Structure formats: structure tokens, C-alpha cells
Protein backbone atom coordinates (compact mmCIF):
# COMPACT_ATOMS: atom_id res chain seq x y z
CA UNK A 1 120.20 93.48 75.43
CA UNK A 2 119.02 92.98 79.01
CA UNK A 3 120.74 89.58 79.25
CA UNK A 4 124.05 91.06 78.12
CA UNK A 5 124.00 94.03 80.47
CA UNK A 6 122.66 92.25 83.56
CA UNK A 7 119.52 92.57 85.65
CA UNK A 8 120.60 93.72 89.11
CA UNK A 9 118.35 96.79 88.77
CA UNK A 10 115.37 94.44 89.05
CA UNK A 11 116.69 93.19 92.40
CA UNK A 12 116.47 96.77 93.61
CA UNK A 13 112.97 96.97 92.14
CA UNK A 14 112.02 93.89 94.20
CA UNK A 15 113.14 95.68 97.37
CA UNK A 16 110.86 98.59 96.47
CA UNK A 17 108.05 96.12 95.78
CA UNK A 18 108.32 94.52 99.23
CA UNK A 19 108.61 97.90 100.97
CA UNK A 20 105.41 99.05 99.26
CA UNK A 21 103.71 95.78 100.18
CA UNK A 22 104.56 96.35 103.85
CA UNK A 23 103.52 99.99 103.58
CA UNK A 24 100.01 99.13 102.43
CA UNK A 25 99.69 96.12 104.70
CA UNK A 26 100.35 98.35 107.71
CA UNK A 27 97.93 101.08 106.69
CA UNK A 28 95.07 98.70 105.84
CA UNK A 29 94.89 96.87 109.15
CA UNK A 30 92.63 99.57 110.59
CA UNK A 31 90.13 99.47 107.71
CA UNK A 32 89.73 95.69 108.04
CA UNK A 33 89.27 95.91 111.78
CA UNK A 34 86.96 98.93 111.46
CA UNK A 35 83.65 97.03 111.83
CA UNK A 36 84.99 95.30 114.95
CA UNK A 37 86.55 98.45 116.42
CA UNK A 38 83.46 100.55 115.66
CA UNK A 39 81.38 98.04 117.61
CA UNK A 40 83.85 97.84 120.51
CA UNK A 41 84.32 101.59 120.90
CA UNK A 42 80.98 102.85 119.56
CA UNK A 43 82.44 104.88 116.69
CA UNK A 44 80.12 106.46 114.13
CA UNK A 45 80.99 106.68 110.43
CA UNK A 46 82.11 110.25 111.07
CA UNK A 47 84.34 109.16 113.99
CA UNK A 48 86.00 106.58 111.75
CA UNK A 49 86.32 109.17 108.98
CA UNK A 50 88.05 111.53 111.41
CA UNK A 51 90.59 108.86 112.38
CA UNK A 52 91.36 108.03 108.76
CA UNK A 53 91.43 111.73 107.84
CA UNK A 54 94.10 112.40 110.48
CA UNK A 55 96.33 109.78 108.88
CA UNK A 56 95.71 111.18 105.40
CA UNK A 57 96.30 114.78 106.46
CA UNK A 58 99.54 113.99 108.31
CA UNK A 59 100.64 111.72 105.47
CA UNK A 60 99.96 114.53 102.99
CA UNK A 61 101.92 117.18 104.87
CA UNK A 62 104.73 114.74 105.65
CA UNK A 63 105.09 113.87 101.96
CA UNK A 64 106.19 117.43 101.28
CA UNK A 65 108.98 117.21 103.86
CA UNK A 66 109.75 113.52 103.22
CA UNK A 67 110.70 114.22 99.63
CA UNK A 68 112.94 117.08 100.70
CA UNK A 69 114.43 114.99 103.51
CA UNK A 70 115.24 112.06 101.21
CA UNK A 71 116.82 114.35 98.62
CA UNK A 72 119.00 115.76 101.39
CA UNK A 73 120.10 112.66 103.36
CA UNK A 74 120.07 110.25 100.44
CA UNK A 75 117.91 107.33 99.43
CA UNK A 76 119.46 104.66 101.64
CA UNK A 77 119.25 106.47 104.98
CA UNK A 78 115.98 108.20 104.13
CA UNK A 79 114.17 104.99 103.24
CA UNK A 80 115.47 103.21 106.35
CA UNK A 81 114.41 105.99 108.71
CA UNK A 82 110.96 106.10 107.10
CA UNK A 83 110.24 102.40 107.53
CA UNK A 84 111.46 102.42 111.14
CA UNK A 85 109.07 105.27 112.00
CA UNK A 86 106.06 103.77 110.26
CA UNK A 87 106.65 100.30 111.74
CA UNK A 88 106.73 101.80 115.23
CA UNK A 89 103.57 103.75 114.41
CA UNK A 90 101.83 100.58 113.25
CA UNK A 91 102.73 98.81 116.49
CA UNK A 92 101.49 101.81 118.52
CA UNK A 93 97.91 101.03 117.43
CA UNK A 94 97.96 98.06 119.79
CA UNK A 95 98.48 100.49 122.68
CA UNK A 96 96.05 103.13 121.40
CA UNK A 97 94.00 103.17 124.61
CA UNK A 98 97.07 103.84 126.76
CA UNK A 99 98.31 106.46 124.33
CA UNK A 100 94.87 108.08 124.29
CA UNK A 101 94.61 108.11 128.07
CA UNK A 102 97.98 109.81 128.54
CA UNK A 103 97.31 112.29 125.75
CA UNK A 104 93.84 113.08 127.06
CA UNK A 105 95.29 113.82 130.51
CA UNK A 106 97.72 116.27 128.91
CA UNK A 107 94.90 117.98 127.02
CA UNK A 108 92.86 118.25 130.21
CA UNK A 109 95.82 119.73 132.11
CA UNK A 110 96.27 122.33 129.38
CA UNK A 111 92.59 123.22 129.58
CA UNK A 112 91.86 121.94 126.10
CA UNK A 113 88.77 120.05 125.06
CA UNK A 114 89.01 116.34 125.70
CA UNK A 115 88.55 113.72 122.98
CA UNK A 116 87.26 110.18 123.60
CA UNK A 117 90.28 108.11 124.60
CA UNK A 118 89.93 105.46 121.90
CA UNK A 119 89.59 108.02 119.12
CA UNK A 120 92.50 110.14 120.38
CA UNK A 121 94.78 107.11 120.79
CA UNK A 122 94.14 105.89 117.27
CA UNK A 123 94.57 109.39 115.88
CA UNK A 124 98.03 109.70 117.46
CA UNK A 125 99.03 106.23 116.28
CA UNK A 126 97.86 107.09 112.76
CA UNK A 127 99.87 110.30 112.96
CA UNK A 128 103.14 108.42 113.57
CA UNK A 129 102.23 105.91 110.87
CA UNK A 130 101.54 108.73 108.40
CA UNK A 131 104.83 110.51 109.11
CA UNK A 132 106.82 107.35 108.39
CA UNK A 133 104.82 106.04 105.46
CA UNK A 134 105.21 109.35 103.65
CA UNK A 135 108.81 108.42 102.86
CA UNK A 136 107.98 105.31 100.84
CA UNK A 137 106.97 106.74 97.48
CA UNK A 138 109.44 109.65 97.26
CA UNK A 139 112.26 107.22 98.10
CA UNK A 140 110.99 104.54 95.71
CA UNK A 141 110.51 106.97 92.82
CA UNK A 142 113.98 108.42 93.44
CA UNK A 143 115.47 104.90 93.48
CA UNK A 144 113.70 104.12 90.21
CA UNK A 145 115.15 107.28 88.64
CA UNK A 146 118.60 106.17 89.84
CA UNK A 147 118.43 102.56 88.66
CA UNK A 148 116.33 102.57 85.45
CA UNK A 149 116.47 104.22 82.04
CA UNK A 150 113.42 106.34 81.25
CA UNK A 151 111.85 103.77 78.95
CA UNK A 152 111.73 101.22 81.81
CA UNK A 153 110.74 103.52 84.66
CA UNK A 154 106.97 103.24 84.25
CA UNK A 155 107.25 99.43 84.15
CA UNK A 156 109.52 99.42 87.22
CA UNK A 157 107.13 101.81 88.98
CA UNK A 158 104.19 99.63 88.02
CA UNK A 159 105.94 96.57 89.43
CA UNK A 160 106.92 98.09 92.76
CA UNK A 161 103.57 99.91 92.99
CA UNK A 162 101.82 96.55 92.59
CA UNK A 163 103.19 95.86 96.06
CA UNK A 164 100.34 98.03 97.30
CA UNK A 165 97.95 95.53 95.74
CA UNK A 166 99.75 92.55 97.28
CA UNK A 167 99.54 94.31 100.64
CA UNK A 168 95.85 94.87 100.03
CA UNK A 169 95.42 91.17 99.19
CA UNK A 170 97.45 89.88 102.14
CA UNK A 171 95.65 92.14 104.61
CA UNK A 172 92.14 90.59 104.30
CA UNK A 173 93.72 87.12 104.24
CA UNK A 174 95.73 87.66 107.42
CA UNK A 175 94.20 90.44 109.53
CA UNK A 176 90.77 88.87 110.30
CA UNK A 177 92.45 85.52 111.09
CA UNK A 178 95.02 87.12 113.36
CA UNK A 179 92.37 89.19 115.11
CA UNK A 180 90.11 86.20 115.62
CA UNK A 181 92.91 84.03 117.06
CA UNK A 182 95.11 86.57 118.86
CA UNK A 183 93.03 89.73 119.26
CA UNK A 184 93.15 93.09 117.49
CA UNK A 185 96.06 94.37 119.60
CA UNK A 186 98.36 91.49 118.64
CA UNK A 187 97.34 91.93 115.01
CA UNK A 188 98.78 95.45 114.92
CA UNK A 189 102.00 94.27 116.61
CA UNK A 190 102.59 91.29 114.32
CA UNK A 191 101.89 93.19 111.09
CA UNK A 192 103.82 96.24 112.28
CA UNK A 193 106.95 94.23 113.03
CA UNK A 194 107.43 93.01 109.44
CA UNK A 195 109.08 96.27 108.37
CA UNK A 196 112.10 95.60 110.55
CA UNK A 197 112.83 92.42 108.57
CA UNK A 198 112.97 94.43 105.34
CA UNK A 199 115.69 96.70 106.73
CA UNK A 200 118.25 93.86 106.72
CA UNK A 201 117.93 93.35 102.96
CA UNK A 202 117.91 97.09 102.26
CA UNK A 203 121.19 97.70 104.07
CA UNK A 204 122.73 94.61 102.45
CA UNK A 205 121.73 95.27 98.83
CA UNK A 206 121.29 99.00 98.25
CA UNK A 207 124.05 101.38 97.14
CA UNK A 208 123.92 104.16 94.57
CA UNK A 209 124.51 102.75 91.06
CA UNK A 210 127.95 104.35 90.79
CA UNK A 211 129.02 102.65 94.06
CA UNK A 212 127.21 99.35 93.49
CA UNK A 213 129.70 96.48 93.10
CA UNK A 214 126.88 94.11 92.08
CA UNK A 215 126.11 96.29 89.05
CA UNK A 216 128.13 95.65 85.89
CA UNK A 217 129.65 98.49 83.91
CA UNK A 218 127.45 97.47 80.98
CA UNK A 219 124.28 97.67 83.08
CA UNK A 220 125.28 101.06 84.48
CA UNK A 221 125.85 102.31 80.93
CA UNK A 222 122.43 100.93 79.93
CA UNK A 223 120.75 102.67 82.89
CA UNK A 224 122.28 105.99 81.80
CA UNK A 225 121.70 105.34 78.08
CA UNK A 226 118.75 107.73 77.64
CA UNK A 227 119.69 110.44 80.11
CA UNK A 228 118.51 113.84 78.90
CA UNK A 229 121.43 116.16 79.53
CA UNK A 230 119.10 119.17 79.62
CA UNK A 231 117.26 117.54 82.54
CA UNK A 232 119.99 115.70 84.39
CA UNK A 233 122.81 118.21 84.31
CA UNK A 234 124.60 118.88 87.61
CA UNK A 235 123.02 115.78 89.07
CA UNK A 236 125.49 115.46 91.96
CA UNK A 237 123.38 116.43 94.96
CA UNK A 238 126.34 117.39 97.11
CA UNK A 239 127.65 119.91 94.58
CA UNK A 240 124.45 121.29 93.09
CA UNK A 241 122.60 124.37 94.16
CA UNK A 242 119.59 124.07 96.45
CA UNK A 243 116.22 124.36 94.72
CA UNK A 244 113.45 125.92 96.81
CA UNK A 245 109.81 124.83 96.83
CA UNK A 246 108.83 128.25 95.51
CA UNK A 247 111.07 127.67 92.49
CA UNK A 248 109.49 124.30 91.81
CA UNK A 249 105.99 125.78 92.05
CA UNK A 250 106.84 128.19 89.22
CA UNK A 251 106.81 125.32 86.72
CA UNK A 252 103.72 124.07 84.93
CA UNK A 253 105.21 120.58 85.09
CA UNK A 254 105.01 120.68 88.89
CA UNK A 255 101.38 121.80 88.80
CA UNK A 256 100.42 119.17 86.22
CA UNK A 257 101.71 116.41 88.49
CA UNK A 258 100.33 118.04 91.64
CA UNK A 259 96.79 118.57 90.33
CA UNK A 260 96.74 115.12 88.75
CA UNK A 261 97.54 113.60 92.13
CA UNK A 262 95.08 115.85 93.99
CA UNK A 263 92.13 114.82 91.84
CA UNK A 264 92.82 111.08 91.71
CA UNK A 265 94.56 109.93 94.90
CA UNK A 266 91.36 110.35 96.90
CA UNK A 267 89.74 107.64 94.79
CA UNK A 268 92.30 105.09 95.93
CA UNK A 269 92.00 106.22 99.56
CA UNK A 270 88.23 105.81 99.28
CA UNK A 271 88.59 102.24 98.00
CA UNK A 272 91.21 101.40 100.61
CA UNK A 273 89.40 102.73 103.69
CA UNK A 274 85.71 102.38 102.80
CA UNK A 275 85.34 99.18 100.77
CA UNK A 276 85.22 96.86 103.82
CA UNK A 277 82.54 99.06 105.39
CA UNK A 278 80.66 99.31 102.08
CA UNK A 279 80.48 95.53 101.70
CA UNK A 280 79.58 95.10 105.36
CA UNK A 281 76.79 97.72 105.36
CA UNK A 282 75.36 97.06 101.89
CA UNK A 283 75.65 93.26 101.73
CA UNK A 284 76.08 92.25 105.40
CA UNK A 285 79.45 90.63 104.71
CA UNK A 286 81.33 90.02 107.96
CA UNK A 287 85.01 90.86 108.37
CA UNK A 288 85.96 87.16 108.22
CA UNK A 289 84.17 86.78 104.86
CA UNK A 290 85.81 89.82 103.25
CA UNK A 291 88.97 87.95 102.28
CA UNK A 292 87.70 86.46 99.01
CA UNK A 293 86.05 89.52 97.40
CA UNK A 294 88.85 91.86 98.46
CA UNK A 295 91.52 89.41 97.33
CA UNK A 296 89.89 89.17 93.90
CA UNK A 297 89.56 92.94 93.66
CA UNK A 298 93.15 93.68 94.63
CA UNK A 299 94.45 90.86 92.42
CA UNK A 300 92.84 92.77 89.55
CA UNK A 301 94.65 95.93 90.60
CA UNK A 302 98.01 94.17 90.54
CA UNK A 303 97.45 93.29 86.89
CA UNK A 304 96.41 96.90 86.22
CA UNK A 305 99.55 98.24 87.84
CA UNK A 306 101.93 96.13 85.76
CA UNK A 307 99.98 96.51 82.49
CA UNK A 308 99.78 100.25 83.08
CA UNK A 309 103.54 100.34 83.39
CA UNK A 310 103.93 98.44 80.13
CA UNK A 311 101.43 100.45 78.05
CA UNK A 312 103.53 103.62 77.52
CA UNK A 313 106.43 101.45 76.34
CA UNK A 314 104.25 100.52 73.35
CA UNK A 315 103.98 104.17 72.30
CA UNK A 316 107.63 104.92 73.14
CA UNK A 317 108.76 101.99 70.98
CA UNK A 318 106.64 103.48 68.20
CA UNK A 319 108.74 106.65 68.38
CA UNK A 320 106.92 108.81 70.95
CA UNK A 321 108.90 110.74 73.52
CA UNK A 322 108.58 109.21 77.02
CA UNK A 323 106.23 111.92 78.35
CA UNK A 324 104.06 111.98 75.23
CA UNK A 325 103.78 108.19 75.20
CA UNK A 326 102.86 108.28 78.85
CA UNK A 327 100.09 110.80 78.31
CA UNK A 328 98.59 108.70 75.50
CA UNK A 329 98.60 105.70 77.82
CA UNK A 330 97.07 107.73 80.66
CA UNK A 331 94.15 108.84 78.48
CA UNK A 332 93.28 105.23 77.67
CA UNK A 333 93.64 104.32 81.36
CA UNK A 334 91.37 107.22 82.40
CA UNK A 335 88.45 105.68 80.49
CA UNK A 336 88.30 102.49 82.58
CA UNK A 337 87.18 104.03 85.92
CA UNK A 338 83.87 104.96 84.23
CA UNK A 339 82.89 101.36 85.06
CA UNK A 340 82.42 102.40 88.72
CA UNK A 341 79.44 104.52 87.66
CA UNK A 342 77.48 101.27 87.37
CA UNK A 343 78.62 99.74 90.68
CA UNK A 344 75.70 100.90 92.80
CA UNK A 345 72.93 100.52 90.21
CA UNK A 346 73.91 96.94 89.37
CA UNK A 347 74.42 95.96 92.99
CA UNK A 348 70.94 94.44 93.09
CA UNK A 349 72.34 91.44 91.20
CA UNK A 350 74.68 90.61 94.09
CA UNK A 351 77.86 92.01 95.58
CA UNK A 352 80.17 90.42 93.00
CA UNK A 353 79.02 92.87 90.31
CA UNK A 354 80.14 95.99 92.24
CA UNK A 355 83.28 94.18 93.43
CA UNK A 356 84.32 93.50 89.83
CA UNK A 357 83.35 96.98 88.58
CA UNK A 358 85.18 98.66 91.44
CA UNK A 359 88.06 96.31 90.71
CA UNK A 360 88.25 97.71 87.18
CA UNK A 361 88.32 101.25 88.57
CA UNK A 362 90.92 100.39 91.18
CA UNK A 363 93.04 98.61 88.56
CA UNK A 364 92.92 101.73 86.41
CA UNK A 365 94.05 103.81 89.37
CA UNK A 366 97.14 101.68 89.82
CA UNK A 367 97.90 101.85 86.10
CA UNK A 368 97.43 105.63 86.27
CA UNK A 369 99.64 105.85 89.36
CA UNK A 370 102.50 103.97 87.68
CA UNK A 371 102.51 106.59 84.93
CA UNK A 372 101.81 109.83 86.76
CA UNK A 373 104.70 109.18 89.16
CA UNK A 374 107.02 108.65 86.22
CA UNK A 375 106.14 112.00 84.59
CA UNK A 376 108.26 113.58 87.35
CA UNK A 377 111.46 111.76 86.40
CA UNK A 378 110.66 112.43 82.73
CA UNK A 379 110.92 116.18 83.21
CA UNK A 380 112.93 116.92 86.36
CA UNK A 381 116.59 116.27 87.32
CA UNK A 382 117.11 113.23 89.55
CA UNK A 383 118.40 115.47 92.36
CA UNK A 384 114.89 116.93 92.92
CA UNK A 385 112.66 114.03 91.87
CA UNK A 386 111.80 113.18 95.50
CA UNK A 387 111.01 116.84 96.27
CA UNK A 388 108.58 117.17 93.36
CA UNK A 389 107.09 113.77 94.19
CA UNK A 390 106.57 115.01 97.75
CA UNK A 391 104.73 118.13 96.59
CA UNK A 392 102.38 116.09 94.42
CA UNK A 393 102.03 113.46 97.10
CA UNK A 394 100.99 116.11 99.61
CA UNK A 395 98.33 117.34 97.19
CA UNK A 396 97.13 113.77 96.68
CA UNK A 397 96.97 113.24 100.43
CA UNK A 398 94.92 116.41 100.91
CA UNK A 399 92.60 115.20 98.17
CA UNK A 400 92.30 111.95 100.11
CA UNK A 401 91.45 113.83 103.32
CA UNK A 402 88.67 115.68 101.53
CA UNK A 403 87.27 112.53 99.96
CA UNK A 404 87.38 110.61 103.25
CA UNK A 405 85.75 113.39 105.26
CA UNK A 406 83.05 114.02 102.65
CA UNK A 407 82.40 110.28 102.50
CA UNK A 408 81.86 110.04 106.26
CA UNK A 409 79.49 113.02 106.31
CA UNK A 410 77.54 111.75 103.29
CA UNK A 411 77.18 108.26 104.68
CA UNK A 412 76.02 109.44 108.13
CA UNK A 413 73.56 111.87 106.49
CA UNK A 414 71.98 109.35 104.14
CA UNK A 415 72.07 106.55 106.70
CA UNK A 416 69.87 108.68 108.96
CA UNK A 417 67.49 109.17 106.03
CA UNK A 418 67.46 105.42 105.37
CA UNK A 419 69.15 105.82 101.96
CA UNK A 420 72.79 104.94 102.58
CA UNK A 421 73.07 103.72 99.00
CA UNK A 422 72.65 107.30 97.75
CA UNK A 423 75.85 108.34 99.52
CA UNK A 424 77.77 105.53 97.85
CA UNK A 425 76.26 106.41 94.47
CA UNK A 426 77.61 109.96 94.78
CA UNK A 427 81.08 108.77 95.75
CA UNK A 428 81.25 106.16 92.98
CA UNK A 429 80.28 108.86 90.48
CA UNK A 430 83.28 110.94 91.51
CA UNK A 431 85.54 107.89 91.32
CA UNK A 432 84.41 107.37 87.74
CA UNK A 433 85.10 110.84 86.31
CA UNK A 434 88.14 111.96 88.34
CA UNK A 435 90.77 110.59 85.95
CA UNK A 436 89.44 112.14 82.76
CA UNK A 437 89.22 115.47 84.56
CA UNK A 438 92.78 115.12 85.83
CA UNK A 439 94.11 114.10 82.41
CA UNK A 440 92.49 117.10 80.73
CA UNK A 441 94.07 119.51 83.23
CA UNK A 442 97.50 117.88 82.93
CA UNK A 443 97.33 118.01 79.14
CA UNK A 444 96.30 121.66 79.25
CA UNK A 445 99.25 122.56 81.49
CA UNK A 446 101.89 120.50 79.64
CA UNK A 447 100.66 119.68 76.13
CA UNK A 448 104.02 118.26 74.96
CA UNK A 449 107.26 117.04 76.50
CA UNK A 450 109.02 120.03 78.01
CA UNK A 451 111.92 119.19 80.40
CA UNK A 452 112.74 121.55 83.25
CA UNK A 453 116.17 123.04 82.71
CA UNK A 454 118.77 125.03 84.66
CA UNK A 455 117.96 123.65 88.10
């Protein structure tokens, strides 16, 4: 079937994959340079947590508006503007001291409390990065809804979402080497500039399916083959009525997605921002030696992302509706993060045990992510997919802020007591149970497939 209809939709999926790779590569540079930057600038764990929390908070709030913005201006322009902003924000980190000095002078002139220049400069740079990066997932999910039938959307989402894992693999392989040979400032500039290369291919290859001359009539018909008319009616954005956030928040489907993201996104943020510091503090692994364990861990997550996208197809092919098949898959996936409960207790046998156990939990997160994103396009019209994705993404970002801030406070507290491992034990416990809790709440809110109609 796929050979007869064509495969251009997978070319579009590859663009989403590379955009997501760049997205995560840019955001992870700071975490890999954290031990070095903490030493240079004298940051505490709480200082570092505050810098990461600013990014997460801005990213969360921006997701709400990014989804709305992309629904309004369209996928092509919205995605391009997003990657331009976040690439500039990534490059700004190299000039964080200058940015902090200017900003601190403004605060002093206004009679406001001053903030250490290095911390303020990185906070502002992370703010710009967060504003831009917020556009990636709403735009990618909207593109997936445009270019894939429902039965393939979780797989397509899993594939492009695995770009986050490739970014996480490339970062420890490249960032320490770049920093060692060219300095931390040049590292931010080089990594940040990659996004501008992606723009060329995006403008060349992307058009809406109906306008895409590289897409055959047979493939377009296949993409639209399982459209639910009760969900996708009046799908022309220019001629459909505007749907307010308050309207969207009246639906249980919105809350199921939103609470699922809120409870689980923080786990991924914790892994992304704290794993390098965990390995450095618990096992004295230097930044230059992090490449191998982190590469292994994030290679595992890439497999989880793609397998997680395939799993619901098994149930759908057995006759389940897309949403119901997805929820069955998500329950199975939610069991795997329980492995992280053993990460700290088995760490006495060497750092590879927690790396592999955390890798299982992180892989499960990516499998979960591929499916929870797709529940939106299962139940909402394409015209508002990015808006609903933005609402849930904001909730996930706020969850990440809370997890990051609590982590910093816990680690400083227990480090002073000489029991830093207790702080990590608490956080790994949350990482283990978050998905089962989220699944139970989602299932309670939307027990069976129930599309949103009349929007």
C-alpha cells in the first residue's frame, strides 16, 4: 500500500526529526557545561536550578501562545520563526556576561535588586531560547496531523521525537570537545548556528498537503483515508470560527492531555538537566568522560521512542480505535519507569547500573511522549491541534519547573547534611511512579474514545 501511494510524508517527518534534534542539542549545551560553569562562576546547585527553571517557566508559558500563534500564521511560517528565535537565543549564551552586565545596570537604574551578572545573563539567554523552542512541538504535532493518517501518527511522532534523543547523544559527544578546544563561548555559537541550516530545507520542502506538488494524489488520499468527519469538520483555518482557550478547557479531553503532561514532563527535564551533575557528584565522572554513558542512555531512549510509536499500531490493527489502542500501549509503557526506583540503591555496584536503569525510565518517557502527543490529534480537529498541544505543553513545562526547583533545593539540603544520595533517591522515586499516576488520571477523565465535536 505504502509503495503504491508514495512516501513523501516521511520526508516531512525527517524534517521534523532534524528540527527536534537541533532543539534538544541547543537546550542541552548548558547542562553539559554546568560543572565547568559552576566552577567558573561559583554557582550553587540552587543557582543552577534557578537558571534552568527560568528556561522551563518561559518555555511553559510560551508553549501556550506558540500553539495559538502557529494555528494562526500557519505551520510553515510559525516553525521558521520559532527556530530563528531559539537559534539566536542559543548563540546569546556566549555573550551572557555582556547581557547580564547591561541588564544589571538597567535593574540598578530602576532601583530593583541586582542579580549576579553571570546568573542574570544566562537567565535572559535561556528566556529567549525558551520562547523560540516552545514552537517546535506544537508545529511538529500539527505537521504530523496534516501529513499522516491517524494509524501512523504515533509512529511518525515517535520517529521525529527520537530526534530529541539524537540531540541528547550528539551533545555529550560534541559539547565537551568543542569547549575543551574552543572554549565554552564558541561552543554556544557553533551549536546555536545549526538551526539556520535547517531553514533552507524547510522552505524548500514544506507546503500544506493540498498544495504539495511532490505529494501524489494517491498519497494525499491515503493521508485522509481515516479522517473522522465528526472531528475534522470545517478544517479550513481561514474560514472556521475562532476557538477560545476557555472553550478548550471545558473538555475532559483537554484536561486528560494537560494533566498527563504536567505529571510526566518533569521527569524528562530532570534527566536532561541533572544527569550530568548526578554522575559528576555521585561517581566523580568529569565532563569529558560523560560522552559514553550519556550516549548509551540516550541511544536507549531513541529505541523507546520508535517502539513506543509502533506499539499502539499493534492494538489498532487488532481492531481497537486509535485512542483506545494508544491508552493500552501507554499503560504498558507506564510500567517500565518503575526500574528507576532501583537506580540509587544499586549504584554501589558502579555507575553503569543506574545509567542503564535510568535509561529504561527515559526510554519509557519517550515512548509515552510519542503517544500522549498523538491523543490530541485523535480527538481534536486539526485546526486547533497546536493550541491544545500548547496548553498541555505549558502544563508540562510548569511541571518541569517544579521538579527542577525542588531538585535543586533537595540536593543543596542533603548535600549540607552529607547525604546527597538521599535527595537523588527521592527524585528517582517520583520518576518511577509518575507515569502510572498520570495514566490513571487520563483514563478516569476519558475512559473511551470520545472525539470533540462542533468546534
